[in-house]
PDB file of N, CA and C in Angstrom:
ATOM      1  N   MET A   1      63.265 112.376  44.200  1.00  0.00           N
ATOM      2  CA  MET A   1      62.522 111.218  44.575  1.00  0.00           C
ATOM      3  C   MET A   1      61.685 111.575  45.798  1.00  0.00           C
ATOM      4  N   LEU A   2      60.441 111.364  45.747  1.00  0.00           N
ATOM      5  CA  LEU A   2      59.529 111.680  46.830  1.00  0.00           C
ATOM      6  C   LEU A   2      59.112 110.414  47.554  1.00  0.00           C
ATOM      7  N   PHE A   3      59.003 110.543  48.868  1.00  0.00           N
ATOM      8  CA  PHE A   3      58.590 109.402  49.686  1.00  0.00           C
ATOM      9  C   PHE A   3      57.145 109.602  50.107  1.00  0.00           C
ATOM     10  N   THR A   4      56.464 108.495  50.280  1.00  0.00           N
ATOM     11  CA  THR A   4      55.099 108.573  50.791  1.00  0.00           C
ATOM     12  C   THR A   4      55.175 108.852  52.289  1.00  0.00           C
ATOM     13  N   LYS A   5      54.054 109.172  52.866  1.00  0.00           N
ATOM     14  CA  LYS A   5      53.995 109.465  54.291  1.00  0.00           C
ATOM     15  C   LYS A   5      54.452 108.261  55.110  1.00  0.00           C
ATOM     16  N   GLU A   6      54.008 107.068  54.715  1.00  0.00           N
ATOM     17  CA  GLU A   6      54.383 105.847  55.435  1.00  0.00           C
ATOM     18  C   GLU A   6      55.893 105.591  55.334  1.00  0.00           C
ATOM     19  N   GLU A   7      56.474 105.831  54.158  1.00  0.00           N
ATOM     20  CA  GLU A   7      57.919 105.627  53.969  1.00  0.00           C
ATOM     21  C   GLU A   7      58.718 106.620  54.821  1.00  0.00           C
ATOM     22  N   LYS A   8      58.238 107.863  54.914  1.00  0.00           N
ATOM     23  CA  LYS A   8      58.903 108.856  55.755  1.00  0.00           C
ATOM     24  C   LYS A   8      58.877 108.430  57.224  1.00  0.00           C
ATOM     25  N   ILE A   9      57.757 107.930  57.683  1.00  0.00           N
ATOM     26  CA  ILE A   9      57.630 107.476  59.076  1.00  0.00           C
ATOM     27  C   ILE A   9      58.589 106.313  59.335  1.00  0.00           C
ATOM     28  N   ILE A  10      58.679 105.386  58.390  1.00  0.00           N
ATOM     29  CA  ILE A  10      59.587 104.246  58.540  1.00  0.00           C
ATOM     30  C   ILE A  10      61.033 104.723  58.567  1.00  0.00           C
ATOM     31  N   LEU A  11      61.426 105.619  57.676  1.00  0.00           N
ATOM     32  CA  LEU A  11      62.797 106.134  57.651  1.00  0.00           C
ATOM     33  C   LEU A  11      63.143 106.890  58.938  1.00  0.00           C
ATOM     34  N   ILE A  12      62.225 107.698  59.419  1.00  0.00           N
ATOM     35  CA  ILE A  12      62.458 108.448  60.660  1.00  0.00           C
ATOM     36  C   ILE A  12      62.591 107.487  61.834  1.00  0.00           C
ATOM     37  N   THR A  13      61.764 106.453  61.873  1.00  0.00           N
ATOM     38  CA  THR A  13      61.833 105.459  62.939  1.00  0.00           C
ATOM     39  C   THR A  13      63.161 104.721  62.915  1.00  0.00           C
ATOM     40  N   ILE A  14      63.611 104.330  61.729  1.00  0.00           N
ATOM     41  CA  ILE A  14      64.898 103.639  61.598  1.00  0.00           C
ATOM     42  C   ILE A  14      66.040 104.556  62.014  1.00  0.00           C
ATOM     43  N   LEU A  15      65.999 105.784  61.579  1.00  0.00           N
ATOM     44  CA  LEU A  15      67.025 106.760  61.937  1.00  0.00           C
ATOM     45  C   LEU A  15      67.051 107.011  63.444  1.00  0.00           C
ATOM     46  N   ALA A  16      65.902 107.155  64.061  1.00  0.00           N
ATOM     47  CA  ALA A  16      65.821 107.378  65.512  1.00  0.00           C
ATOM     48  C   ALA A  16      66.366 106.166  66.265  1.00  0.00           C
ATOM     49  N   ALA A  17      66.058 104.957  65.798  1.00  0.00           N
ATOM     50  CA  ALA A  17      66.560 103.744  66.452  1.00  0.00           C
ATOM     51  C   ALA A  17      68.082 103.673  66.326  1.00  0.00           C
ATOM     52  N   ALA A  18      68.614 104.028  65.166  1.00  0.00           N
ATOM     53  CA  ALA A  18      70.066 103.991  64.959  1.00  0.00           C
ATOM     54  C   ALA A  18      70.766 105.003  65.871  1.00  0.00           C
ATOM     55  N   ILE A  19      70.233 106.205  65.965  1.00  0.00           N
ATOM     56  CA  ILE A  19      70.825 107.239  66.819  1.00  0.00           C
ATOM     57  C   ILE A  19      70.758 106.814  68.291  1.00  0.00           C
ATOM     58  N   THR A  20      69.623 106.252  68.681  1.00  0.00           N
ATOM     59  CA  THR A  20      69.485 105.774  70.059  1.00  0.00           C
ATOM     60  C   THR A  20      70.512 104.682  70.359  1.00  0.00           C
ATOM     61  N   GLY A  21      70.708 103.759  69.422  1.00  0.00           N
ATOM     62  CA  GLY A  21      71.694 102.694  69.594  1.00  0.00           C
ATOM     63  C   GLY A  21      73.105 103.235  69.723  1.00  0.00           C
ATOM     64  N   ILE A  22      73.425 104.235  68.927  1.00  0.00           N
ATOM     65  CA  ILE A  22      74.757 104.855  69.004  1.00  0.00           C
ATOM     66  C   ILE A  22      74.961 105.524  70.359  1.00  0.00           C
ATOM     67  N   ILE A  23      73.969 106.253  70.818  1.00  0.00           N
ATOM     68  CA  ILE A  23      74.065 106.937  72.118  1.00  0.00           C
ATOM     69  C   ILE A  23      74.233 105.919  73.241  1.00  0.00           C
ATOM     70  N   ILE A  24      73.451 104.864  73.226  1.00  0.00           N
ATOM     71  CA  ILE A  24      73.562 103.826  74.259  1.00  0.00           C
ATOM     72  C   ILE A  24      74.948 103.194  74.220  1.00  0.00           C
ATOM     73  N   ASN A  25      75.457 102.917  73.027  1.00  0.00           N
ATOM     74  CA  ASN A  25      76.782 102.312  72.881  1.00  0.00           C
ATOM     75  C   ASN A  25      77.868 103.228  73.425  1.00  0.00           C
ATOM     76  N   VAL A  26      77.777 104.507  73.144  1.00  0.00           N
ATOM     77  CA  VAL A  26      78.779 105.461  73.625  1.00  0.00           C
ATOM     78  C   VAL A  26      78.782 105.509  75.149  1.00  0.00           C
ATOM     79  N   PHE A  27      77.604 105.645  75.766  1.00  0.00           N
ATOM     80  CA  PHE A  27      77.539 105.730  77.218  1.00  0.00           C
ATOM     81  C   PHE A  27      77.924 104.418  77.883  1.00  0.00           C
ATOM     82  N   THR A  28      77.564 103.293  77.307  1.00  0.00           N
ATOM     83  CA  THR A  28      77.947 101.996  77.864  1.00  0.00           C
ATOM     84  C   THR A  28      79.452 101.816  77.782  1.00  0.00           C
ATOM     85  N   SER A  29      80.053 102.168  76.672  1.00  0.00           N
ATOM     86  CA  SER A  29      81.501 102.046  76.521  1.00  0.00           C
ATOM     87  C   SER A  29      82.218 102.970  77.477  1.00  0.00           C
ATOM     88  N   TYR A  30      81.710 104.166  77.665  1.00  0.00           N
ATOM     89  CA  TYR A  30      82.327 105.132  78.577  1.00  0.00           C
ATOM     90  C   TYR A  30      82.291 104.598  80.004  1.00  0.00           C
ATOM     91  N   GLY A  31      81.161 104.058  80.426  1.00  0.00           N
ATOM     92  CA  GLY A  31      81.039 103.513  81.775  1.00  0.00           C
ATOM     93  C   GLY A  31      81.960 102.337  81.998  1.00  0.00           C
ATOM     94  N   GLN A  32      82.113 101.461  81.007  1.00  0.00           N
ATOM     95  CA  GLN A  32      83.006 100.316  81.150  1.00  0.00           C
ATOM     96  C   GLN A  32      84.451 100.774  81.240  1.00  0.00           C
ATOM     97  N   GLY A  33      84.811 101.814  80.516  1.00  0.00           N
ATOM     98  CA  GLY A  33      86.165 102.339  80.566  1.00  0.00           C
ATOM     99  C   GLY A  33      86.495 102.869  81.944  1.00  0.00           C
ATOM    100  N   LEU A  34      85.528 103.482  82.614  1.00  0.00           N
ATOM    101  CA  LEU A  34      85.760 103.990  83.956  1.00  0.00           C
ATOM    102  C   LEU A  34      85.949 102.860  84.950  1.00  0.00           C
ATOM    103  N   GLN A  35      85.205 101.783  84.798  1.00  0.00           N
ATOM    104  CA  GLN A  35      85.292 100.670  85.727  1.00  0.00           C
ATOM    105  C   GLN A  35      86.598  99.900  85.566  1.00  0.00           C
ATOM    106  N   LYS A  36      87.124  99.815  84.384  1.00  0.00           N
ATOM    107  CA  LYS A  36      88.320  99.031  84.126  1.00  0.00           C
ATOM    108  C   LYS A  36      89.601  99.783  84.444  1.00  0.00           C
ATOM    109  N   ARG A  37      89.504 101.099  84.578  1.00  0.00           N
ATOM    110  CA  ARG A  37      90.686 101.909  84.786  1.00  0.00           C
ATOM    111  C   ARG A  37      91.261 101.676  86.179  1.00  0.00           C
ATOM    112  N   PRO A  38      92.451 101.121  86.289  1.00  0.00           N
ATOM    113  CA  PRO A  38      93.024 100.896  87.625  1.00  0.00           C
ATOM    114  C   PRO A  38      93.539 102.199  88.220  1.00  0.00           C
ATOM    115  N   GLU A  39      93.615 102.225  89.541  1.00  0.00           N
ATOM    116  CA  GLU A  39      94.170 103.402  90.204  1.00  0.00           C
ATOM    117  C   GLU A  39      95.682 103.364  90.034  1.00  0.00           C
ATOM    118  N   VAL A  40      96.199 104.395  89.410  1.00  0.00           N
ATOM    119  CA  VAL A  40      97.624 104.445  89.140  1.00  0.00           C
ATOM    120  C   VAL A  40      98.242 105.519  90.007  1.00  0.00           C
ATOM    121  N   LYS A  41      99.252 105.147  90.715  1.00  0.00           N
ATOM    122  CA  LYS A  41      99.968 106.102  91.545  1.00  0.00           C
ATOM    123  C   LYS A  41     101.169 106.586  90.765  1.00  0.00           C
ATOM    124  N   THR A  42     101.158 107.863  90.421  1.00  0.00           N
ATOM    125  CA  THR A  42     102.214 108.383  89.557  1.00  0.00           C
ATOM    126  C   THR A  42     103.293 109.131  90.317  1.00  0.00           C
ATOM    127  N   SER A  43     103.033 109.491  91.561  1.00  0.00           N
ATOM    128  CA  SER A  43     104.037 110.261  92.281  1.00  0.00           C
ATOM    129  C   SER A  43     104.654 109.409  93.383  1.00  0.00           C
ATOM    130  N   PRO A  44     105.894 109.725  93.751  1.00  0.00           N
ATOM    131  CA  PRO A  44     106.542 108.984  94.833  1.00  0.00           C
ATOM    132  C   PRO A  44     105.912 109.326  96.171  1.00  0.00           C
ATOM    133  N   LEU A  45     106.245 108.559  97.181  1.00  0.00           N
ATOM    134  CA  LEU A  45     105.734 108.827  98.519  1.00  0.00           C
ATOM    135  C   LEU A  45     106.243 110.176  99.022  1.00  0.00           C
ATOM    136  N   ILE A  46     105.418 110.840  99.805  1.00  0.00           N
ATOM    137  CA  ILE A  46     105.795 112.128 100.376  1.00  0.00           C
ATOM    138  C   ILE A  46     106.360 111.875 101.766  1.00  0.00           C
ATOM    139  N   ASN A  47     107.535 112.381 102.025  1.00  0.00           N
ATOM    140  CA  ASN A  47     108.145 112.267 103.344  1.00  0.00           C
ATOM    141  C   ASN A  47     107.509 113.321 104.244  1.00  0.00           C
ATOM    142  N   ILE A  48     106.781 112.867 105.251  1.00  0.00           N
ATOM    143  CA  ILE A  48     106.050 113.814 106.093  1.00  0.00           C
ATOM    144  C   ILE A  48     106.962 114.675 106.955  1.00  0.00           C
ATOM    145  N   ASN A  49     108.213 114.284 107.078  1.00  0.00           N
ATOM    146  CA  ASN A  49     109.162 115.101 107.837  1.00  0.00           C
ATOM    147  C   ASN A  49     109.771 116.216 107.004  1.00  0.00           C
ATOM    148  N   LEU A  50     109.723 116.091 105.689  1.00  0.00           N
ATOM    149  CA  LEU A  50     110.342 117.086 104.806  1.00  0.00           C
ATOM    150  C   LEU A  50     109.331 117.854 103.966  1.00  0.00           C
ATOM    151  N   ALA A  51     108.093 117.410 103.936  1.00  0.00           N
ATOM    152  CA  ALA A  51     107.083 117.998 103.052  1.00  0.00           C
ATOM    153  C   ALA A  51     106.741 119.427 103.441  1.00  0.00           C
ATOM    154  N   THR A  52     106.568 120.243 102.426  1.00  0.00           N
ATOM    155  CA  THR A  52     106.111 121.613 102.631  1.00  0.00           C
ATOM    156  C   THR A  52     104.602 121.609 102.863  1.00  0.00           C
ATOM    157  N   ALA A  53     104.071 122.736 103.263  1.00  0.00           N
ATOM    158  CA  ALA A  53     102.624 122.855 103.458  1.00  0.00           C
ATOM    159  C   ALA A  53     101.886 122.540 102.155  1.00  0.00           C
ATOM    160  N   GLU A  54     102.417 123.028 101.038  1.00  0.00           N
ATOM    161  CA  GLU A  54     101.774 122.791  99.741  1.00  0.00           C
ATOM    162  C   GLU A  54     101.772 121.300  99.390  1.00  0.00           C
ATOM    163  N   GLU A  55     102.868 120.618  99.663  1.00  0.00           N
ATOM    164  CA  GLU A  55     102.932 119.181  99.389  1.00  0.00           C
ATOM    165  C   GLU A  55     101.960 118.408 100.284  1.00  0.00           C
ATOM    166  N   LEU A  56     101.866 118.815 101.527  1.00  0.00           N
ATOM    167  CA  LEU A  56     100.928 118.157 102.435  1.00  0.00           C
ATOM    168  C   LEU A  56      99.486 118.389 102.008  1.00  0.00           C
ATOM    169  N   GLU A  57      99.192 119.597 101.540  1.00  0.00           N
ATOM    170  CA  GLU A  57      97.832 119.920 101.096  1.00  0.00           C
ATOM    171  C   GLU A  57      97.421 119.107  99.876  1.00  0.00           C
ATOM    172  N   ALA A  58      98.380 118.605  99.133  1.00  0.00           N
ATOM    173  CA  ALA A  58      98.062 117.798  97.957  1.00  0.00           C
ATOM    174  C   ALA A  58      97.584 116.394  98.338  1.00  0.00           C
ATOM    175  N   LEU A  59      97.774 116.026  99.589  1.00  0.00           N
ATOM    176  CA  LEU A  59      97.338 114.716 100.054  1.00  0.00           C
ATOM    177  C   LEU A  59      95.825 114.697 100.242  1.00  0.00           C
ATOM    178  N   PRO A  60      95.188 113.538 100.048  1.00  0.00           N
ATOM    179  CA  PRO A  60      93.729 113.470 100.196  1.00  0.00           C
ATOM    180  C   PRO A  60      93.294 113.757 101.632  1.00  0.00           C
ATOM    181  N   GLY A  61      92.368 114.688 101.786  1.00  0.00           N
ATOM    182  CA  GLY A  61      91.821 115.019 103.091  1.00  0.00           C
ATOM    183  C   GLY A  61      92.649 115.991 103.909  1.00  0.00           C
ATOM    184  N   VAL A  62      93.745 116.496 103.341  1.00  0.00           N
ATOM    185  CA  VAL A  62      94.592 117.434 104.077  1.00  0.00           C
ATOM    186  C   VAL A  62      94.424 118.820 103.467  1.00  0.00           C
ATOM    187  N   GLY A  63      93.898 119.724 104.257  1.00  0.00           N
ATOM    188  CA  GLY A  63      93.749 121.109 103.817  1.00  0.00           C
ATOM    189  C   GLY A  63      94.814 121.976 104.466  1.00  0.00           C
ATOM    190  N   LYS A  64      94.635 123.286 104.363  1.00  0.00           N
ATOM    191  CA  LYS A  64      95.625 124.219 104.907  1.00  0.00           C
ATOM    192  C   LYS A  64      95.795 124.058 106.414  1.00  0.00           C
ATOM    193  N   VAL A  65      94.688 123.935 107.123  1.00  0.00           N
ATOM    194  CA  VAL A  65      94.751 123.851 108.583  1.00  0.00           C
ATOM    195  C   VAL A  65      95.487 122.589 109.010  1.00  0.00           C
ATOM    196  N   THR A  66      95.129 121.456 108.433  1.00  0.00           N
ATOM    197  CA  THR A  66      95.784 120.200 108.804  1.00  0.00           C
ATOM    198  C   THR A  66      97.254 120.217 108.419  1.00  0.00           C
ATOM    199  N   ALA A  67      97.578 120.758 107.259  1.00  0.00           N
ATOM    200  CA  ALA A  67      98.981 120.840 106.838  1.00  0.00           C
ATOM    201  C   ALA A  67      99.787 121.664 107.835  1.00  0.00           C
ATOM    202  N   LEU A  68      99.229 122.784 108.277  1.00  0.00           N
ATOM    203  CA  LEU A  68      99.926 123.627 109.262  1.00  0.00           C
ATOM    204  C   LEU A  68     100.054 122.917 110.608  1.00  0.00           C
ATOM    205  N   ARG A  69      99.047 122.132 110.972  1.00  0.00           N
ATOM    206  CA  ARG A  69      99.134 121.374 112.231  1.00  0.00           C
ATOM    207  C   ARG A  69     100.253 120.325 112.154  1.00  0.00           C
ATOM    208  N   ILE A  70     100.400 119.690 111.005  1.00  0.00           N
ATOM    209  CA  ILE A  70     101.470 118.698 110.835  1.00  0.00           C
ATOM    210  C   ILE A  70     102.831 119.379 110.975  1.00  0.00           C
ATOM    211  N   ILE A  71     102.987 120.515 110.328  1.00  0.00           N
ATOM    212  CA  ILE A  71     104.258 121.247 110.398  1.00  0.00           C
ATOM    213  C   ILE A  71     104.531 121.712 111.828  1.00  0.00           C
ATOM    214  N   LYS A  72     103.509 122.223 112.499  1.00  0.00           N
ATOM    215  CA  LYS A  72     103.658 122.675 113.886  1.00  0.00           C
ATOM    216  C   LYS A  72     104.030 121.496 114.791  1.00  0.00           C
ATOM    217  N   TYR A  73     103.415 120.337 114.545  1.00  0.00           N
ATOM    218  CA  TYR A  73     103.741 119.143 115.333  1.00  0.00           C
ATOM    219  C   TYR A  73     105.212 118.767 115.130  1.00  0.00           C
ATOM    220  N   ARG A  74     105.668 118.803 113.886  1.00  0.00           N
ATOM    221  CA  ARG A  74     107.076 118.490 113.598  1.00  0.00           C
ATOM    222  C   ARG A  74     108.009 119.454 114.321  1.00  0.00           C
ATOM    223  N   GLU A  75     107.645 120.715 114.293  1.00  0.00           N
ATOM    224  CA  GLU A  75     108.493 121.733 114.919  1.00  0.00           C
ATOM    225  C   GLU A  75     108.576 121.561 116.439  1.00  0.00           C
ATOM    226  N   SER A  76     107.493 121.165 117.059  1.00  0.00           N
ATOM    227  CA  SER A  76     107.492 121.052 118.520  1.00  0.00           C
ATOM    228  C   SER A  76     107.918 119.680 119.029  1.00  0.00           C
ATOM    229  N   HIS A  77     107.777 118.615 118.219  1.00  0.00           N
ATOM    230  CA  HIS A  77     108.111 117.258 118.656  1.00  0.00           C
ATOM    231  C   HIS A  77     109.313 116.661 117.926  1.00  0.00           C
ATOM    232  N   GLY A  78     109.810 117.357 116.934  1.00  0.00           N
ATOM    233  CA  GLY A  78     110.896 116.797 116.129  1.00  0.00           C
ATOM    234  C   GLY A  78     110.348 115.912 115.023  1.00  0.00           C
ATOM    235  N   ALA A  79     111.235 115.318 114.287  1.00  0.00           N
ATOM    236  CA  ALA A  79     110.840 114.487 113.156  1.00  0.00           C
ATOM    237  C   ALA A  79     109.994 113.296 113.622  1.00  0.00           C
ATOM    238  N   LEU A  80     108.987 112.976 112.843  1.00  0.00           N
ATOM    239  CA  LEU A  80     108.158 111.817 113.154  1.00  0.00           C
ATOM    240  C   LEU A  80     108.989 110.559 112.925  1.00  0.00           C
ATOM    241  N   LYS A  81     108.930 109.645 113.876  1.00  0.00           N
ATOM    242  CA  LYS A  81     109.728 108.427 113.776  1.00  0.00           C
ATOM    243  C   LYS A  81     109.039 107.347 112.947  1.00  0.00           C
ATOM    244  N   SER A  82     107.725 107.471 112.803  1.00  0.00           N
ATOM    245  CA  SER A  82     106.963 106.514 112.006  1.00  0.00           C
ATOM    246  C   SER A  82     105.761 107.220 111.393  1.00  0.00           C
ATOM    247  N   VAL A  83     105.196 106.611 110.397  1.00  0.00           N
ATOM    248  CA  VAL A  83     104.009 107.165 109.752  1.00  0.00           C
ATOM    249  C   VAL A  83     102.852 107.184 110.741  1.00  0.00           C
ATOM    250  N   GLU A  84     102.753 106.171 111.581  1.00  0.00           N
ATOM    251  CA  GLU A  84     101.662 106.073 112.550  1.00  0.00           C
ATOM    252  C   GLU A  84     101.649 107.242 113.537  1.00  0.00           C
ATOM    253  N   GLU A  85     102.803 107.840 113.781  1.00  0.00           N
ATOM    254  CA  GLU A  85     102.880 108.969 114.706  1.00  0.00           C
ATOM    255  C   GLU A  85     102.051 110.150 114.202  1.00  0.00           C
ATOM    256  N   LEU A  86     101.756 110.167 112.924  1.00  0.00           N
ATOM    257  CA  LEU A  86     100.942 111.238 112.350  1.00  0.00           C
ATOM    258  C   LEU A  86      99.568 111.292 113.009  1.00  0.00           C
ATOM    259  N   LYS A  87      99.108 110.178 113.550  1.00  0.00           N
ATOM    260  CA  LYS A  87      97.806 110.144 114.223  1.00  0.00           C
ATOM    261  C   LYS A  87      97.794 110.995 115.489  1.00  0.00           C
ATOM    262  N   ASN A  88      98.957 111.393 115.982  1.00  0.00           N
ATOM    263  CA  ASN A  88      99.032 112.271 117.152  1.00  0.00           C
ATOM    264  C   ASN A  88      98.707 113.716 116.813  1.00  0.00           C
ATOM    265  N   VAL A  89      98.687 114.049 115.524  1.00  0.00           N
ATOM    266  CA  VAL A  89      98.379 115.411 115.094  1.00  0.00           C
ATOM    267  C   VAL A  89      96.869 115.623 115.185  1.00  0.00           C
ATOM    268  N   LYS A  90      96.474 116.715 115.800  1.00  0.00           N
ATOM    269  CA  LYS A  90      95.046 117.034 115.932  1.00  0.00           C
ATOM    270  C   LYS A  90      94.398 117.065 114.547  1.00  0.00           C
ATOM    271  N   GLY A  91      93.277 116.376 114.415  1.00  0.00           N
ATOM    272  CA  GLY A  91      92.547 116.363 113.148  1.00  0.00           C
ATOM    273  C   GLY A  91      92.851 115.149 112.282  1.00  0.00           C
ATOM    274  N   ILE A  92      93.889 114.388 112.624  1.00  0.00           N
ATOM    275  CA  ILE A  92      94.190 113.173 111.856  1.00  0.00           C
ATOM    276  C   ILE A  92      93.502 112.008 112.566  1.00  0.00           C
ATOM    277  N   THR A  93      92.312 111.695 112.110  1.00  0.00           N
ATOM    278  CA  THR A  93      91.562 110.575 112.662  1.00  0.00           C
ATOM    279  C   THR A  93      92.063 109.275 112.028  1.00  0.00           C
ATOM    280  N   GLN A  94      91.617 108.166 112.555  1.00  0.00           N
ATOM    281  CA  GLN A  94      92.020 106.873 111.988  1.00  0.00           C
ATOM    282  C   GLN A  94      91.561 106.772 110.537  1.00  0.00           C
ATOM    283  N   LYS A  95      90.365 107.254 110.264  1.00  0.00           N
ATOM    284  CA  LYS A  95      89.834 107.200 108.900  1.00  0.00           C
ATOM    285  C   LYS A  95      90.698 108.032 107.941  1.00  0.00           C
ATOM    286  N   LYS A  96      91.058 109.234 108.363  1.00  0.00           N
ATOM    287  CA  LYS A  96      91.899 110.098 107.532  1.00  0.00           C
ATOM    288  C   LYS A  96      93.284 109.473 107.361  1.00  0.00           C
ATOM    289  N   PHE A  97      93.819 108.918 108.449  1.00  0.00           N
ATOM    290  CA  PHE A  97      95.124 108.274 108.378  1.00  0.00           C
ATOM    291  C   PHE A  97      95.104 107.103 107.390  1.00  0.00           C
ATOM    292  N   ASP A  98      94.034 106.322 107.404  1.00  0.00           N
ATOM    293  CA  ASP A  98      93.933 105.181 106.488  1.00  0.00           C
ATOM    294  C   ASP A  98      93.961 105.632 105.027  1.00  0.00           C
ATOM    295  N   ARG A  99      93.400 106.800 104.747  1.00  0.00           N
ATOM    296  CA  ARG A  99      93.449 107.336 103.378  1.00  0.00           C
ATOM    297  C   ARG A  99      94.829 107.869 103.024  1.00  0.00           C
ATOM    298  N   LEU A 100      95.553 108.388 104.015  1.00  0.00           N
ATOM    299  CA  LEU A 100      96.854 109.018 103.779  1.00  0.00           C
ATOM    300  C   LEU A 100      98.022 108.044 103.696  1.00  0.00           C
ATOM    301  N   LYS A 101      97.978 106.970 104.459  1.00  0.00           N
ATOM    302  CA  LYS A 101      99.163 106.148 104.679  1.00  0.00           C
ATOM    303  C   LYS A 101      99.782 105.583 103.403  1.00  0.00           C
ATOM    304  N   GLN A 102      99.001 105.434 102.355  1.00  0.00           N
ATOM    305  CA  GLN A 102      99.564 104.914 101.109  1.00  0.00           C
ATOM    306  C   GLN A 102     100.372 105.948 100.341  1.00  0.00           C
ATOM    307  N   TYR A 103     100.289 107.205 100.751  1.00  0.00           N
ATOM    308  CA  TYR A 103     100.977 108.289 100.034  1.00  0.00           C
ATOM    309  C   TYR A 103     102.163 108.871 100.799  1.00  0.00           C
ATOM    310  N   ILE A 104     102.344 108.446 102.051  1.00  0.00           N
ATOM    311  CA  ILE A 104     103.352 109.084 102.885  1.00  0.00           C
ATOM    312  C   ILE A 104     104.388 108.083 103.395  1.00  0.00           C
ATOM    313  N   GLU A 105     105.512 108.647 103.814  1.00  0.00           N
ATOM    314  CA  GLU A 105     106.549 107.844 104.447  1.00  0.00           C
ATOM    315  C   GLU A 105     107.249 108.700 105.487  1.00  0.00           C
ATOM    316  N   ALA A 106     107.867 108.017 106.446  1.00  0.00           N
ATOM    317  CA  ALA A 106     108.693 108.692 107.455  1.00  0.00           C
ATOM    318  C   ALA A 106     109.879 107.775 107.719  1.00  0.00           C
ATOM    319  N   PRO A 107     111.094 108.330 107.717  1.00  0.00           N
ATOM    320  CA  PRO A 107     112.249 107.461 107.949  1.00  0.00           C
ATOM    321  C   PRO A 107     112.269 106.878 109.344  1.00  0.00           C
TER     322      PRO A 107
END
């Protein structure tokens, strides 16, 4: 079966519109899925008095240097009595502490 030139143009236009609609639907659905996804905390709180350097580094905003500073602070001052005491460690600003406090605990 042969199509005329006009019929081919119409079929290509319909096909292009359908593909465009599918692409838009996929990206719109993907974006909505990201917005609806709640933040899920899957791990228990990390005890800052017992945490290893590797465990501390897993916290947001804590790299090797900060993790070592926390451990050094514990060694020289003893166990932290509260989570807020972590702000005494060099490099733990209020902003960084606000990001960390939901993941840590101190007896």
